[in-house]
Amino acid sequence: MPLDPLLSRRALLGVGTITLATLSGCADDGDPAPASAPATSDDPDQDLIDRVLDELAGAEQLATAAGVSELALLHRTHIEALDGTPPSPSPGSATMAALQRTERRLQSQLVDASLAAESGGLARLLASMSAAVSQRLVAL
């Protein structure tokens, strides 16, 4: 589920960064900011997103190895919603017990991530991902 149907998350961040860079170049007296002025800060949620992407990739690979393609597809969809790249399929096998433990941990981590997110849109996205994983856990 994209954060905004008209703009991707990265496009929105890019526009915001350009706007901030433009505004920070102007001081109150009309003089440009000194060259040593710090650059605009990165997305405060990026580390959080990176951690969630790592967890989703691991869960996707385990679901694939356990033969639960519907769950693997759910995780790939979530990875794409966060502008991540789904992992390459890897051969292997996994037990249902291992898959259930991983999914419960992932669901809890998504709740925590939704509470930690600074962006309201990201918080809603992570919360909806948690709900989707929770729904799939019932079927496992």
C-alpha atoms as a PDB file:
ATOM      1  CA  MET A   1       0.000   0.000   0.000  1.00  0.00           C
ATOM      2  CA  PRO A   2       1.770   3.210  -1.121  1.00  0.00           C
ATOM      3  CA  LEU A   3       1.965   6.071   1.357  1.00  0.00           C
ATOM      4  CA  ASP A   4       0.515   8.526  -1.157  1.00  0.00           C
ATOM      5  CA  PRO A   5      -1.096   7.601  -4.470  1.00  0.00           C
ATOM      6  CA  LEU A   6       0.386  10.622  -6.253  1.00  0.00           C
ATOM      7  CA  LEU A   7       3.921  10.660  -4.863  1.00  0.00           C
ATOM      8  CA  SER A   8       6.171   7.847  -3.809  1.00  0.00           C
ATOM      9  CA  ARG A   9       7.759   8.149  -0.382  1.00  0.00           C
ATOM     10  CA  ARG A  10      11.199   8.816  -1.855  1.00  0.00           C
ATOM     11  CA  ALA A  11       9.866  11.444  -4.258  1.00  0.00           C
ATOM     12  CA  LEU A  12       8.164  13.202  -1.363  1.00  0.00           C
ATOM     13  CA  LEU A  13      11.380  13.093   0.677  1.00  0.00           C
ATOM     14  CA  GLY A  14      13.329  14.438  -2.289  1.00  0.00           C
ATOM     15  CA  VAL A  15      10.974  17.388  -2.696  1.00  0.00           C
ATOM     16  CA  GLY A  16      11.181  18.059   1.046  1.00  0.00           C
ATOM     17  CA  THR A  17      14.973  17.909   0.993  1.00  0.00           C
ATOM     18  CA  ILE A  18      15.180  20.311  -1.958  1.00  0.00           C
ATOM     19  CA  THR A  19      12.762  22.684  -0.243  1.00  0.00           C
ATOM     20  CA  LEU A  20      14.734  22.582   3.011  1.00  0.00           C
ATOM     21  CA  ALA A  21      18.020  23.072   1.180  1.00  0.00           C
ATOM     22  CA  THR A  22      16.603  26.074  -0.650  1.00  0.00           C
ATOM     23  CA  LEU A  23      15.193  27.627   2.506  1.00  0.00           C
ATOM     24  CA  SER A  24      18.315  26.976   4.561  1.00  0.00           C
ATOM     25  CA  GLY A  25      20.388  28.867   2.008  1.00  0.00           C
ATOM     26  CA  CYS A  26      18.733  32.143   2.980  1.00  0.00           C
ATOM     27  CA  ALA A  27      19.569  33.963   6.216  1.00  0.00           C
ATOM     28  CA  ASP A  28      17.308  36.618   7.740  1.00  0.00           C
ATOM     29  CA  ASP A  29      19.518  39.424   6.452  1.00  0.00           C
ATOM     30  CA  GLY A  30      19.432  38.148   2.889  1.00  0.00           C
ATOM     31  CA  ASP A  31      22.985  36.775   2.999  1.00  0.00           C
ATOM     32  CA  PRO A  32      23.404  33.172   1.934  1.00  0.00           C
ATOM     33  CA  ALA A  33      24.295  30.666   4.627  1.00  0.00           C
ATOM     34  CA  PRO A  34      28.005  30.054   5.071  1.00  0.00           C
ATOM     35  CA  ALA A  35      29.543  27.171   3.148  1.00  0.00           C
ATOM     36  CA  SER A  36      30.273  25.353   6.408  1.00  0.00           C
ATOM     37  CA  ALA A  37      26.575  25.145   7.310  1.00  0.00           C
ATOM     38  CA  PRO A  38      25.531  21.539   7.934  1.00  0.00           C
ATOM     39  CA  ALA A  39      23.553  19.765   5.239  1.00  0.00           C
ATOM     40  CA  THR A  40      19.927  18.891   5.887  1.00  0.00           C
ATOM     41  CA  SER A  41      19.428  15.807   8.003  1.00  0.00           C
ATOM     42  CA  ASP A  42      18.568  12.439   6.516  1.00  0.00           C
ATOM     43  CA  ASP A  43      15.186  10.809   6.950  1.00  0.00           C
ATOM     44  CA  PRO A  44      14.914  10.087  10.682  1.00  0.00           C
ATOM     45  CA  ASP A  45      12.927   6.945   9.930  1.00  0.00           C
ATOM     46  CA  GLN A  46      15.449   5.421   7.502  1.00  0.00           C
ATOM     47  CA  ASP A  47      17.244   3.299  10.119  1.00  0.00           C
ATOM     48  CA  LEU A  48      13.873   2.008  11.287  1.00  0.00           C
ATOM     49  CA  ILE A  49      12.857   1.194   7.705  1.00  0.00           C
ATOM     50  CA  ASP A  50      16.152  -0.600   7.094  1.00  0.00           C
ATOM     51  CA  ARG A  51      15.638  -2.781  10.187  1.00  0.00           C
ATOM     52  CA  VAL A  52      12.065  -3.597   9.173  1.00  0.00           C
ATOM     53  CA  LEU A  53      13.222  -4.452   5.639  1.00  0.00           C
ATOM     54  CA  ASP A  54      15.814  -6.868   7.057  1.00  0.00           C
ATOM     55  CA  GLU A  55      13.170  -8.575   9.199  1.00  0.00           C
ATOM     56  CA  LEU A  56      10.719  -8.775   6.302  1.00  0.00           C
ATOM     57  CA  ALA A  57      13.385 -10.265   4.010  1.00  0.00           C
ATOM     58  CA  GLY A  58      14.205 -12.959   6.566  1.00  0.00           C
ATOM     59  CA  ALA A  59      10.526 -13.742   7.091  1.00  0.00           C
ATOM     60  CA  GLU A  60       9.918 -13.880   3.339  1.00  0.00           C
ATOM     61  CA  GLN A  61      12.761 -16.344   2.830  1.00  0.00           C
ATOM     62  CA  LEU A  62      11.540 -18.532   5.688  1.00  0.00           C
ATOM     63  CA  ALA A  63       7.953 -18.503   4.373  1.00  0.00           C
ATOM     64  CA  THR A  64       9.253 -19.490   0.935  1.00  0.00           C
ATOM     65  CA  ALA A  65      11.352 -22.291   2.444  1.00  0.00           C
ATOM     66  CA  ALA A  66       8.317 -23.527   4.400  1.00  0.00           C
ATOM     67  CA  GLY A  67       6.227 -23.571   1.219  1.00  0.00           C
ATOM     68  CA  VAL A  68       3.752 -20.917   2.387  1.00  0.00           C
ATOM     69  CA  SER A  69       3.673 -18.874  -0.809  1.00  0.00           C
ATOM     70  CA  GLU A  70       0.777 -16.633   0.257  1.00  0.00           C
ATOM     71  CA  LEU A  71       2.749 -15.454   3.273  1.00  0.00           C
ATOM     72  CA  ALA A  72       5.916 -15.012   1.222  1.00  0.00           C
ATOM     73  CA  LEU A  73       3.932 -12.867  -1.229  1.00  0.00           C
ATOM     74  CA  LEU A  74       2.600 -10.756   1.640  1.00  0.00           C
ATOM     75  CA  HIS A  75       6.148 -10.054   2.831  1.00  0.00           C
ATOM     76  CA  ARG A  76       7.347  -9.216  -0.696  1.00  0.00           C
ATOM     77  CA  THR A  77       4.450  -6.773  -1.016  1.00  0.00           C
ATOM     78  CA  HIS A  78       5.402  -5.157   2.287  1.00  0.00           C
ATOM     79  CA  ILE A  79       9.038  -4.904   1.209  1.00  0.00           C
ATOM     80  CA  GLU A  80       7.990  -3.171  -2.008  1.00  0.00           C
ATOM     81  CA  ALA A  81       5.702  -0.792  -0.066  1.00  0.00           C
ATOM     82  CA  LEU A  82       8.792   0.330   1.863  1.00  0.00           C
ATOM     83  CA  ASP A  83      10.716   0.818  -1.404  1.00  0.00           C
ATOM     84  CA  GLY A  84      12.897  -2.201  -0.652  1.00  0.00           C
ATOM     85  CA  THR A  85      14.085  -4.927  -2.969  1.00  0.00           C
ATOM     86  CA  PRO A  86      12.665  -8.394  -2.299  1.00  0.00           C
ATOM     87  CA  PRO A  87      15.343 -10.998  -1.599  1.00  0.00           C
ATOM     88  CA  SER A  88      16.348 -13.543  -4.177  1.00  0.00           C
ATOM     89  CA  PRO A  89      14.776 -16.946  -3.648  1.00  0.00           C
ATOM     90  CA  SER A  90      17.029 -19.303  -1.780  1.00  0.00           C
ATOM     91  CA  PRO A  91      16.614 -23.057  -1.579  1.00  0.00           C
ATOM     92  CA  GLY A  92      16.001 -24.638   1.750  1.00  0.00           C
ATOM     93  CA  SER A  93      13.339 -25.925   4.046  1.00  0.00           C
ATOM     94  CA  ALA A  94      11.766 -24.666   7.231  1.00  0.00           C
ATOM     95  CA  THR A  95       9.406 -26.089   9.786  1.00  0.00           C
ATOM     96  CA  MET A  96       6.008 -24.622  10.503  1.00  0.00           C
ATOM     97  CA  ALA A  97       7.061 -24.103  14.128  1.00  0.00           C
ATOM     98  CA  ALA A  98      10.034 -21.974  13.032  1.00  0.00           C
ATOM     99  CA  LEU A  99       7.794 -20.045  10.657  1.00  0.00           C
ATOM    100  CA  GLN A 100       5.222 -19.374  13.391  1.00  0.00           C
ATOM    101  CA  ARG A 101       7.908 -18.124  15.805  1.00  0.00           C
ATOM    102  CA  THR A 102       9.343 -15.841  13.145  1.00  0.00           C
ATOM    103  CA  GLU A 103       5.938 -14.470  12.199  1.00  0.00           C
ATOM    104  CA  ARG A 104       5.025 -13.753  15.838  1.00  0.00           C
ATOM    105  CA  ARG A 105       8.337 -11.950  16.328  1.00  0.00           C
ATOM    106  CA  LEU A 106       7.847  -9.995  13.082  1.00  0.00           C
ATOM    107  CA  GLN A 107       4.319  -8.977  14.074  1.00  0.00           C
ATOM    108  CA  SER A 108       5.587  -7.673  17.424  1.00  0.00           C
ATOM    109  CA  GLN A 109       8.489  -5.837  15.763  1.00  0.00           C
ATOM    110  CA  LEU A 110       6.094  -4.175  13.322  1.00  0.00           C
ATOM    111  CA  VAL A 111       3.978  -2.931  16.243  1.00  0.00           C
ATOM    112  CA  ASP A 112       7.088  -1.535  17.927  1.00  0.00           C
ATOM    113  CA  ALA A 113       8.264   0.041  14.673  1.00  0.00           C
ATOM    114  CA  SER A 114       4.881   1.681  14.095  1.00  0.00           C
ATOM    115  CA  LEU A 115       5.135   3.278  17.540  1.00  0.00           C
ATOM    116  CA  ALA A 116       8.719   4.408  16.929  1.00  0.00           C
ATOM    117  CA  ALA A 117       8.100   5.924  13.479  1.00  0.00           C
ATOM    118  CA  GLU A 118       8.241   9.707  13.315  1.00  0.00           C
ATOM    119  CA  SER A 119       6.197   9.873  10.114  1.00  0.00           C
ATOM    120  CA  GLY A 120       2.478   9.387  10.604  1.00  0.00           C
ATOM    121  CA  GLY A 121       2.135   7.770   7.185  1.00  0.00           C
ATOM    122  CA  LEU A 122       4.927   5.323   7.934  1.00  0.00           C
ATOM    123  CA  ALA A 123       3.423   4.547  11.349  1.00  0.00           C
ATOM    124  CA  ARG A 124       0.083   3.710   9.708  1.00  0.00           C
ATOM    125  CA  LEU A 125       1.773   1.574   7.062  1.00  0.00           C
ATOM    126  CA  LEU A 126       3.739  -0.402   9.645  1.00  0.00           C
ATOM    127  CA  ALA A 127       0.640  -0.864  11.812  1.00  0.00           C
ATOM    128  CA  SER A 128      -1.305  -2.194   8.831  1.00  0.00           C
ATOM    129  CA  MET A 129       1.573  -4.578   8.047  1.00  0.00           C
ATOM    130  CA  SER A 130       1.422  -5.814  11.630  1.00  0.00           C
ATOM    131  CA  ALA A 131      -2.319  -6.396  11.309  1.00  0.00           C
ATOM    132  CA  ALA A 132      -1.831  -8.334   8.062  1.00  0.00           C
ATOM    133  CA  VAL A 133       0.820 -10.576   9.627  1.00  0.00           C
ATOM    134  CA  SER A 134      -1.429 -11.098  12.647  1.00  0.00           C
ATOM    135  CA  GLN A 135      -4.279 -12.205  10.374  1.00  0.00           C
ATOM    136  CA  ARG A 136      -2.004 -14.709   8.618  1.00  0.00           C
ATOM    137  CA  LEU A 137      -0.806 -16.087  11.959  1.00  0.00           C
ATOM    138  CA  VAL A 138      -4.343 -17.251  12.705  1.00  0.00           C
ATOM    139  CA  ALA A 139      -4.288 -19.376   9.544  1.00  0.00           C
ATOM    140  CA  LEU A 140      -0.896 -20.949  10.379  1.00  0.00           C
END
